[in-house]
């Protein structure tokens, strides 16, 4: 529990002296989380400081290019920015621009829920020809997948006859 006197000191240092959370924590011997909690209880939220990067001047180019060519690889985009004066590392560039890549829209699908032994999906697969004596016979596979458990049944046959 923080004493009201200590809370008042934290608020004074933050608002009047304009000290940062880490500085206040170091001077008062507190964890920075304690200082942050006291400020949050007071309704004060420390603004997130965003630092400029080498990539910032090229972000409009990146967004415009990906809007026109959404499948363009980041390596080619790096070459385009490098030709225009970008000095950063290609690996770091790919990591940073991943946030700006347009995301494909998710395809809608309906997941079917079934009870055990209620439904299965069946198909035949062709696996070439098998030589038996002097005759060549087709080698077929019967596949059945149970919808509930996804368990697979597979058996090879020499034809699709039911007998």
Protein backbone atom coordinates (compact mmCIF):
# COMPACT_ATOMS: atom_id res chain seq x y z
CA UNK A 1 0.00 0.00 0.00
CA UNK A 2 1.34 3.42 -0.96
CA UNK A 3 1.06 6.18 1.61
CA UNK A 4 -0.90 9.27 0.54
CA UNK A 5 2.20 11.41 1.15
CA UNK A 6 4.20 9.26 -1.32
CA UNK A 7 1.38 9.40 -3.87
CA UNK A 8 1.34 13.19 -3.61
CA UNK A 9 5.12 13.27 -4.12
CA UNK A 10 4.84 11.07 -7.23
CA UNK A 11 2.12 13.30 -8.68
CA UNK A 12 4.09 16.47 -7.85
CA UNK A 13 7.26 15.18 -9.50
CA UNK A 14 5.34 14.05 -12.57
CA UNK A 15 3.14 17.13 -13.10
CA UNK A 16 5.15 20.01 -11.63
CA UNK A 17 8.71 18.86 -12.26
CA UNK A 18 7.88 17.00 -15.51
CA UNK A 19 9.91 13.94 -14.53
CA UNK A 20 9.45 10.67 -16.37
CA UNK A 21 8.18 7.50 -14.68
CA UNK A 22 11.61 5.86 -14.64
CA UNK A 23 13.24 8.91 -13.07
CA UNK A 24 10.60 9.12 -10.35
CA UNK A 25 10.91 5.39 -9.63
CA UNK A 26 14.69 5.63 -9.38
CA UNK A 27 14.67 8.66 -7.08
CA UNK A 28 12.01 7.31 -4.72
CA UNK A 29 13.27 3.71 -4.76
CA UNK A 30 10.05 2.30 -6.22
CA UNK A 31 9.27 -0.06 -9.06
CA UNK A 32 8.21 1.76 -12.23
CA UNK A 33 4.94 -0.22 -12.18
CA UNK A 34 4.04 1.36 -8.83
CA UNK A 35 4.59 4.85 -10.22
CA UNK A 36 2.57 4.00 -13.34
CA UNK A 37 -0.28 2.63 -11.21
CA UNK A 38 -0.38 5.79 -9.05
CA UNK A 39 -0.52 7.95 -12.18
CA UNK A 40 -3.23 5.74 -13.72
CA UNK A 41 -5.35 5.97 -10.56
CA UNK A 42 -5.07 9.74 -10.80
CA UNK A 43 -6.27 9.59 -14.42
CA UNK A 44 -2.89 10.52 -15.85
CA UNK A 45 -1.61 8.39 -18.69
CA UNK A 46 1.93 8.89 -19.90
CA UNK A 47 1.87 9.47 -23.66
CA UNK A 48 3.63 6.87 -25.76
CA UNK A 49 6.69 8.42 -27.30
CA UNK A 50 7.08 7.34 -30.88
CA UNK A 51 10.55 7.62 -32.29
CA UNK A 52 11.12 8.39 -35.91
CA UNK A 53 12.79 5.70 -37.98
CA UNK A 54 14.79 5.63 -41.17
CA UNK A 55 11.73 4.12 -42.81
CA UNK A 56 9.34 7.01 -42.06
CA UNK A 57 10.03 9.02 -45.26
CA UNK A 58 9.34 5.91 -47.38
CA UNK A 59 6.06 4.80 -45.76
CA UNK A 60 3.82 6.71 -48.24
CA UNK A 61 5.71 5.06 -51.12
CA UNK A 62 5.36 1.62 -49.49
CA UNK A 63 1.62 2.02 -48.90
CA UNK A 64 0.97 3.37 -52.40
CA UNK A 65 3.03 0.63 -54.05
CA UNK A 66 1.36 -2.17 -52.09
CA UNK A 67 -2.06 -0.67 -52.79
CA UNK A 68 -1.32 -0.95 -56.51
CA UNK A 69 0.66 -4.24 -56.36
CA UNK A 70 -0.45 -6.18 -53.26
CA UNK A 71 1.64 -9.28 -54.07
CA UNK A 72 4.92 -7.41 -54.56
CA UNK A 73 7.62 -8.99 -52.35
CA UNK A 74 9.24 -6.90 -49.63
CA UNK A 75 12.67 -7.58 -51.15
CA UNK A 76 11.65 -5.76 -54.35
CA UNK A 77 10.15 -2.96 -52.28
CA UNK A 78 13.46 -2.70 -50.42
CA UNK A 79 15.30 -2.31 -53.73
CA UNK A 80 12.91 0.48 -54.74
CA UNK A 81 13.45 2.33 -51.45
CA UNK A 82 17.21 1.69 -51.55
CA UNK A 83 17.36 3.31 -55.02
CA UNK A 84 15.65 6.35 -53.49
CA UNK A 85 18.18 6.63 -50.66
CA UNK A 86 17.09 4.23 -47.91
CA UNK A 87 20.18 3.20 -45.91
CA UNK A 88 18.78 0.47 -43.64
CA UNK A 89 19.31 -3.28 -43.51
CA UNK A 90 17.12 -5.44 -45.82
CA UNK A 91 16.14 -7.83 -43.00
CA UNK A 92 15.08 -4.98 -40.73
CA UNK A 93 13.23 -3.38 -43.64
CA UNK A 94 11.19 -6.56 -44.27
CA UNK A 95 10.36 -6.78 -40.57
CA UNK A 96 9.23 -3.14 -40.39
CA UNK A 97 7.13 -3.09 -43.57
CA UNK A 98 5.22 -6.26 -42.66
CA UNK A 99 2.79 -4.07 -40.69
CA UNK A 100 1.93 -2.10 -43.86
CA UNK A 101 1.29 -5.10 -46.15
CA UNK A 102 -2.40 -5.32 -47.11
CA UNK A 103 -4.05 -8.34 -45.55
CA UNK A 104 -6.18 -10.57 -47.78
CA UNK A 105 -9.81 -10.77 -46.83
CA UNK A 106 -10.73 -13.91 -44.98
CA UNK A 107 -12.76 -16.40 -46.96
CA UNK A 108 -16.09 -17.29 -45.43
CA UNK A 109 -16.74 -20.92 -44.66
CA UNK A 110 -19.21 -22.85 -42.61
CA UNK A 111 -17.84 -25.40 -40.20
CA UNK A 112 -20.18 -28.35 -40.04
CA UNK A 113 -20.55 -29.99 -36.66
CA UNK A 114 -21.69 -33.60 -36.68
CA UNK A 115 -22.32 -36.27 -34.11
CA UNK A 116 -20.22 -39.47 -34.05
CA UNK A 117 -21.12 -41.93 -36.85
CA UNK A 118 -23.49 -39.41 -38.42
CA UNK A 119 -21.55 -38.47 -41.55
CA UNK A 120 -18.54 -39.54 -43.60
CA UNK A 121 -16.98 -38.40 -46.87
CA UNK A 122 -15.98 -40.98 -49.45
CA UNK A 123 -13.77 -40.83 -52.54
CA UNK A 124 -11.80 -43.04 -54.92
CA UNK A 125 -8.18 -42.34 -55.86
CA UNK A 126 -6.31 -43.66 -58.91
CA UNK A 127 -2.76 -44.92 -58.28
CA UNK A 128 -1.66 -46.01 -61.74
CA UNK A 129 -1.60 -49.58 -63.03
CA UNK A 130 -0.49 -52.80 -61.39
CA UNK A 131 0.90 -55.72 -63.43
CA UNK A 132 -0.61 -59.05 -62.41
CA UNK A 133 0.76 -61.86 -64.58
CA UNK A 134 0.51 -60.56 -68.14
CA UNK A 135 -2.43 -58.24 -67.45
CA UNK A 136 -2.33 -54.67 -66.23
CA UNK A 137 -5.04 -53.76 -63.77
CA UNK A 138 -5.88 -50.30 -62.39
CA UNK A 139 -4.88 -49.77 -58.76
CA UNK A 140 -7.55 -47.77 -56.94
CA UNK A 141 -7.85 -46.60 -53.36
CA UNK A 142 -11.12 -46.26 -51.48
CA UNK A 143 -10.88 -43.46 -48.88
CA UNK A 144 -13.46 -42.66 -46.23
CA UNK A 145 -13.05 -39.84 -43.68
CA UNK A 146 -15.34 -39.70 -40.68
CA UNK A 147 -16.56 -36.13 -40.22
CA UNK A 148 -16.65 -36.16 -36.42
CA UNK A 149 -13.23 -37.62 -35.61
CA UNK A 150 -11.44 -37.06 -38.95
CA UNK A 151 -10.41 -40.71 -38.77
CA UNK A 152 -9.34 -42.07 -42.17
CA UNK A 153 -10.12 -45.48 -43.62
CA UNK A 154 -8.08 -46.46 -46.71
CA UNK A 155 -8.13 -49.70 -48.68
CA UNK A 156 -6.64 -50.53 -52.08
CA UNK A 157 -8.71 -52.34 -54.73
CA UNK A 158 -8.22 -53.52 -58.31
CA UNK A 159 -11.55 -52.06 -59.43
CA UNK A 160 -14.61 -50.10 -58.33
CA UNK A 161 -17.04 -53.01 -58.42
CA UNK A 162 -19.10 -53.55 -55.30
CA UNK A 163 -18.37 -57.31 -55.23
